Amino acid sequence: MRPDLMGQGLGRVFVGAIVEFAIQHFSPNRLRLLILDWNDRSRKVAVALGFEREGVLRSTEGGFLVMTKPASEKADG
């Protein structure tokens, strides 16, 4: 998302469009995303779109929340 559009409540629509694109073009069974553990804004968007936390990955960059959802669930943005 363009930086000037951040914080305007467009996260669900933006990420929802990405999810729908992935489903239409790649036909996955499940969707998985990783979010830096300090990024509360992105975590809230993912939860609003039906993603659930599955775990945490640790790396030299920090911790990443692993969130998944079945691809059959609609991404209501």
N, C-alpha and C. Protein backbone atom coordinates (compact mmCIF):
# COMPACT_ATOMS: atom_id res chain seq x y z
N MET A 1 0.85 -1.17 0.00
CA MET A 1 0.00 0.00 0.00
C MET A 1 0.89 1.23 0.00
N ARG A 2 0.47 2.22 -0.75
CA ARG A 2 1.24 3.47 -0.76
C ARG A 2 1.26 4.06 0.65
N PRO A 3 2.41 4.57 1.07
CA PRO A 3 2.52 5.13 2.43
C PRO A 3 1.51 6.23 2.74
N ASP A 4 1.13 7.05 1.76
CA ASP A 4 0.18 8.13 2.01
C ASP A 4 -1.24 7.62 2.25
N LEU A 5 -1.50 6.35 1.96
CA LEU A 5 -2.82 5.77 2.19
C LEU A 5 -2.90 4.99 3.50
N MET A 6 -1.79 4.85 4.18
CA MET A 6 -1.76 4.13 5.46
C MET A 6 -2.60 4.87 6.50
N GLY A 7 -3.22 4.10 7.39
CA GLY A 7 -3.97 4.69 8.50
C GLY A 7 -5.33 5.26 8.12
N GLN A 8 -5.83 4.92 6.93
CA GLN A 8 -7.12 5.46 6.49
C GLN A 8 -8.21 4.39 6.47
N GLY A 9 -7.95 3.26 7.10
CA GLY A 9 -8.96 2.21 7.16
C GLY A 9 -9.11 1.40 5.89
N LEU A 10 -8.08 1.39 5.05
CA LEU A 10 -8.15 0.67 3.78
C LEU A 10 -7.49 -0.71 3.83
N GLY A 11 -6.98 -1.10 4.98
CA GLY A 11 -6.24 -2.36 5.10
C GLY A 11 -7.04 -3.58 4.72
N ARG A 12 -8.28 -3.67 5.17
CA ARG A 12 -9.10 -4.86 4.86
C ARG A 12 -9.34 -4.98 3.37
N VAL A 13 -9.65 -3.87 2.71
CA VAL A 13 -9.91 -3.91 1.26
C VAL A 13 -8.63 -4.28 0.53
N PHE A 14 -7.52 -3.69 0.92
CA PHE A 14 -6.23 -3.93 0.26
C PHE A 14 -5.81 -5.40 0.40
N VAL A 15 -5.77 -5.89 1.62
CA VAL A 15 -5.34 -7.27 1.84
C VAL A 15 -6.39 -8.24 1.30
N GLY A 16 -7.65 -7.90 1.43
CA GLY A 16 -8.72 -8.74 0.87
C GLY A 16 -8.56 -8.93 -0.63
N ALA A 17 -8.17 -7.88 -1.33
CA ALA A 17 -7.96 -7.99 -2.78
C ALA A 17 -6.79 -8.90 -3.09
N ILE A 18 -5.74 -8.83 -2.29
CA ILE A 18 -4.58 -9.71 -2.48
C ILE A 18 -4.98 -11.16 -2.25
N VAL A 19 -5.75 -11.41 -1.19
CA VAL A 19 -6.21 -12.76 -0.87
C VAL A 19 -7.07 -13.31 -2.01
N GLU A 20 -8.01 -12.52 -2.51
CA GLU A 20 -8.86 -12.97 -3.60
C GLU A 20 -8.05 -13.25 -4.87
N PHE A 21 -7.06 -12.42 -5.16
CA PHE A 21 -6.18 -12.65 -6.31
C PHE A 21 -5.46 -13.99 -6.17
N ALA A 22 -4.91 -14.23 -4.98
CA ALA A 22 -4.19 -15.49 -4.73
C ALA A 22 -5.10 -16.70 -4.91
N ILE A 23 -6.31 -16.61 -4.40
CA ILE A 23 -7.26 -17.72 -4.52
C ILE A 23 -7.62 -17.97 -5.98
N GLN A 24 -7.90 -16.91 -6.72
CA GLN A 24 -8.32 -17.06 -8.12
C GLN A 24 -7.19 -17.57 -9.01
N HIS A 25 -5.97 -17.14 -8.76
CA HIS A 25 -4.86 -17.48 -9.66
C HIS A 25 -4.08 -18.73 -9.25
N PHE A 26 -4.13 -19.11 -7.97
CA PHE A 26 -3.30 -20.22 -7.51
C PHE A 26 -4.09 -21.37 -6.90
N SER A 27 -5.38 -21.19 -6.64
CA SER A 27 -6.26 -22.23 -6.09
C SER A 27 -5.68 -22.98 -4.89
N PRO A 28 -5.22 -22.26 -3.87
CA PRO A 28 -4.67 -22.95 -2.70
C PRO A 28 -5.78 -23.54 -1.82
N ASN A 29 -5.41 -24.50 -0.98
CA ASN A 29 -6.34 -25.03 0.01
C ASN A 29 -6.35 -24.16 1.26
N ARG A 30 -5.17 -23.67 1.62
CA ARG A 30 -5.01 -22.81 2.80
C ARG A 30 -4.18 -21.60 2.42
N LEU A 31 -4.39 -20.54 3.15
CA LEU A 31 -3.60 -19.33 2.99
C LEU A 31 -2.77 -19.14 4.26
N ARG A 32 -1.55 -18.68 4.07
CA ARG A 32 -0.67 -18.44 5.22
C ARG A 32 0.01 -17.10 5.01
N LEU A 33 0.09 -16.34 6.09
CA LEU A 33 0.84 -15.09 6.04
C LEU A 33 1.69 -14.96 7.29
N LEU A 34 2.75 -14.20 7.16
CA LEU A 34 3.65 -13.93 8.28
C LEU A 34 3.66 -12.43 8.53
N ILE A 35 3.55 -12.06 9.79
CA ILE A 35 3.53 -10.67 10.19
C ILE A 35 4.53 -10.48 11.31
N LEU A 36 5.37 -9.46 11.21
CA LEU A 36 6.28 -9.17 12.31
C LEU A 36 5.47 -9.01 13.60
N ASP A 37 5.94 -9.62 14.67
CA ASP A 37 5.13 -9.70 15.89
C ASP A 37 4.81 -8.34 16.51
N TRP A 38 5.54 -7.29 16.18
CA TRP A 38 5.25 -5.96 16.71
C TRP A 38 4.20 -5.20 15.90
N ASN A 39 3.79 -5.75 14.74
CA ASN A 39 2.92 -5.03 13.82
C ASN A 39 1.43 -5.29 14.15
N ASP A 40 0.94 -4.56 15.14
CA ASP A 40 -0.44 -4.75 15.59
C ASP A 40 -1.46 -4.39 14.51
N ARG A 41 -1.19 -3.37 13.72
CA ARG A 41 -2.12 -2.94 12.68
C ARG A 41 -2.34 -4.07 11.66
N SER A 42 -1.26 -4.68 11.20
CA SER A 42 -1.39 -5.77 10.23
C SER A 42 -2.05 -7.00 10.84
N ARG A 43 -1.74 -7.28 12.10
CA ARG A 43 -2.37 -8.41 12.78
C ARG A 43 -3.87 -8.22 12.87
N LYS A 44 -4.32 -7.02 13.18
CA LYS A 44 -5.76 -6.74 13.29
C LYS A 44 -6.46 -6.91 11.95
N VAL A 45 -5.81 -6.49 10.87
CA VAL A 45 -6.39 -6.66 9.54
C VAL A 45 -6.52 -8.15 9.22
N ALA A 46 -5.47 -8.92 9.51
CA ALA A 46 -5.49 -10.36 9.22
C ALA A 46 -6.61 -11.04 10.00
N VAL A 47 -6.75 -10.71 11.27
CA VAL A 47 -7.81 -11.31 12.09
C VAL A 47 -9.19 -10.92 11.54
N ALA A 48 -9.35 -9.67 11.12
CA ALA A 48 -10.63 -9.23 10.57
C ALA A 48 -10.97 -9.98 9.29
N LEU A 49 -9.96 -10.47 8.57
CA LEU A 49 -10.19 -11.22 7.34
C LEU A 49 -10.28 -12.72 7.58
N GLY A 50 -10.28 -13.14 8.84
CA GLY A 50 -10.49 -14.55 9.16
C GLY A 50 -9.24 -15.38 9.41
N PHE A 51 -8.08 -14.76 9.41
CA PHE A 51 -6.85 -15.49 9.70
C PHE A 51 -6.73 -15.75 11.19
N GLU A 52 -6.17 -16.90 11.53
CA GLU A 52 -5.96 -17.27 12.93
C GLU A 52 -4.48 -17.55 13.16
N ARG A 53 -4.04 -17.22 14.34
CA ARG A 53 -2.63 -17.42 14.70
C ARG A 53 -2.34 -18.90 14.85
N GLU A 54 -1.26 -19.35 14.21
CA GLU A 54 -0.85 -20.75 14.33
C GLU A 54 0.44 -20.90 15.09
N GLY A 55 1.24 -19.87 15.15
CA GLY A 55 2.50 -19.97 15.85
C GLY A 55 3.37 -18.77 15.61
N VAL A 56 4.63 -18.89 16.02
CA VAL A 56 5.61 -17.82 15.87
C VAL A 56 6.89 -18.41 15.31
N LEU A 57 7.47 -17.72 14.35
CA LEU A 57 8.79 -18.08 13.83
C LEU A 57 9.78 -17.04 14.32
N ARG A 58 10.93 -17.49 14.75
CA ARG A 58 11.98 -16.57 15.20
C ARG A 58 13.06 -16.52 14.15
N SER A 59 13.55 -15.31 13.87
CA SER A 59 14.65 -15.14 12.93
C SER A 59 15.53 -14.00 13.41
N THR A 60 16.58 -13.72 12.67
CA THR A 60 17.46 -12.62 13.04
C THR A 60 16.75 -11.27 12.92
N GLU A 61 15.68 -11.21 12.13
CA GLU A 61 14.90 -9.98 11.98
C GLU A 61 13.89 -9.79 13.11
N GLY A 62 13.64 -10.83 13.89
CA GLY A 62 12.66 -10.76 14.96
C GLY A 62 11.69 -11.91 14.88
N GLY A 63 10.58 -11.77 15.59
CA GLY A 63 9.56 -12.80 15.58
C GLY A 63 8.49 -12.51 14.54
N PHE A 64 8.02 -13.55 13.90
CA PHE A 64 6.95 -13.44 12.91
C PHE A 64 5.77 -14.28 13.37
N LEU A 65 4.58 -13.68 13.42
CA LEU A 65 3.37 -14.44 13.68
C LEU A 65 3.01 -15.19 12.41
N VAL A 66 2.72 -16.46 12.54
CA VAL A 66 2.26 -17.27 11.42
C VAL A 66 0.75 -17.35 11.55
N MET A 67 0.03 -16.87 10.53
CA MET A 67 -1.42 -16.86 10.55
C MET A 67 -1.94 -17.57 9.31
N THR A 68 -3.00 -18.37 9.49
CA THR A 68 -3.54 -19.14 8.38
C THR A 68 -5.07 -19.08 8.38
N LYS A 69 -5.62 -19.48 7.24
CA LYS A 69 -7.07 -19.67 7.13
C LYS A 69 -7.34 -20.53 5.91
N PRO A 70 -8.44 -21.25 5.91
CA PRO A 70 -8.80 -22.01 4.71
C PRO A 70 -9.07 -21.06 3.55
N ALA A 71 -8.63 -21.42 2.37
CA ALA A 71 -8.84 -20.57 1.20
C ALA A 71 -10.31 -20.50 0.81
N SER A 72 -11.10 -21.45 1.28
CA SER A 72 -12.52 -21.47 0.94
C SER A 72 -13.31 -20.37 1.65
N GLU A 73 -12.72 -19.77 2.68
CA GLU A 73 -13.40 -18.69 3.40
C GLU A 73 -13.27 -17.40 2.60
N LYS A 74 -14.37 -16.71 2.42
CA LYS A 74 -14.38 -15.45 1.68
C LYS A 74 -13.58 -14.39 2.44
N ALA A 75 -12.80 -13.59 1.73
CA ALA A 75 -12.03 -12.49 2.33
C ALA A 75 -12.87 -11.23 2.27
N ASP A 76 -13.77 -11.08 3.23
CA ASP A 76 -14.64 -9.90 3.25
C ASP A 76 -13.87 -8.68 3.70
N GLY A 77 -13.55 -7.81 2.77
CA GLY A 77 -12.81 -6.61 3.06
C GLY A 77 -13.70 -5.47 3.07
